[in-house]
Amino acid sequence: MSFPSEKELWQRFELAEVAVYFATADKKSRYYGFGVADEIFSRDIHEIATWAAGKNYPVFGGVPFDDQLHTATMMNGYFLQPKVLYDIAEQHLWGYETNVVTNRSKRRRPEIERVVDETNWVQRVQHAIDAMQSDGTKQKVVLGRQRQVTLSEPLDMAKLIADLQMTQPHNYHFILKRDNDIFISATPERLVKINDGHLATAGVAGTARRSQDETEDLQLAATLLNDPKNLQEHAIVVNRIVERLAGMAALTVPKGPTIMKNPQVQHLYTPITGQVNDGVTTLSIVDRLHPTPALGGQPEEWALTQIAQLEQNPRGLFAAPVGVLRPSGDGEMVVGIRSMFAHAGKVDLFAGAGILADSDATQEYEETALKMQPMMKLLERQHD
């Protein structure tokens, strides 16, 4: 059997009832999976770990951000072992399938018909700011908002994957499709990777916009590297990761952050590496780290309560661990941000911002708008 081209796999993704696409930021790993050899609906990390360990090739999925129930079952915790799995980078195939159909009939291009943003988000952010200003023990909470976009037609997945690879080439790509439900993320943020005992994670927190002018873009980065509010937000995340991994791995942590650049925004970034202790797996690290203060807050219990009270909709897989697990316990889980969830012609976009006591609620709203741009641009390109 000849190995299919990626363009053929994009067409397959459009037609498949169940499919997954996962690519690492460096694109050294790129997987396409189709059909169901086995699947599990669960939010229990230990149950998922036992299930994944019994498989003979990689599985893909995610665990939800918290215990709030999303209306879509897949968003509440789901992992898939595809019936057939293509590893593009290694040109390797697991599983088998028959009656493959790649020719699709012409269809109308989806157009954006309506965009609805949440109301009163700035006021809800101000409520959190007031709480932190009145109690110094409350350091940070990440508050997200969602935007609903109505399309004239369901997403054209073949075009979306092609556009995703072109417009967001340096981010992780994760797409999980089951029937009419599709979760899509172009995240810059790895939660954890474990490969033969080597661990890699990172602190990503603190954000500034990009500029098309190179000089201004460098100035924005320099300002970000010296901004007290963003440095404080970043330090909270890095310190928490190091604290949580104590006793699980010997870590190497740089003295200070560098800049991670994405097309619309740039972030403070601290890579953290190490060697894990015997018995430590990808999911045991996920269990210890999630949610980091980059997605939840500090103190954690207070921040999660604020998120449940102040966000209008459950997160599900938004800002949650998603990715690939291997039977050995190795794997790579990323954070489901720069993301959207589609059901038929309805698409929900998600973006969040780290709120501190000295945050400006209006500026935080503008930051979330910047973070929604990658997914909005993908939707706008559907009609091109």
Foldseek 3Di string as FASTA:
>chain_A
DDQDDVLLLLLLVQVAQWKKWWAALVRLWIKIFGAAPDKDQDQDLVVVLVVQLPDAWKKWAFDFQDCDDAPDSRLHGMIGDGQWMATVNVRDIDHDDPPRDRDDDDDAFKDWDDKAWDPPLLVLLVVVLVVCVVPVQFFKFKAKTKMKTFIPWFFSRSLLVVVCCVQLVRFIWIWTHHRQKIKTFRHNAWDWFDDPQKIKHKQWWFKDWADPDPVVRVVRQVCRQVPPVGQSLRVQQVVLLVVLCVPFWDKDWDPFFHWDDTPTMITTMIMMMTGTDPPDAPSNSLVSPRPGCRHFGPPRVVRVVSRVPRYPRGQRLAQTWIFMAHSVRGTITGGRALMWMGGTRMIMHMFIHMRGNPDNSVVRVVVRVSSPVVVVVSSNVSND
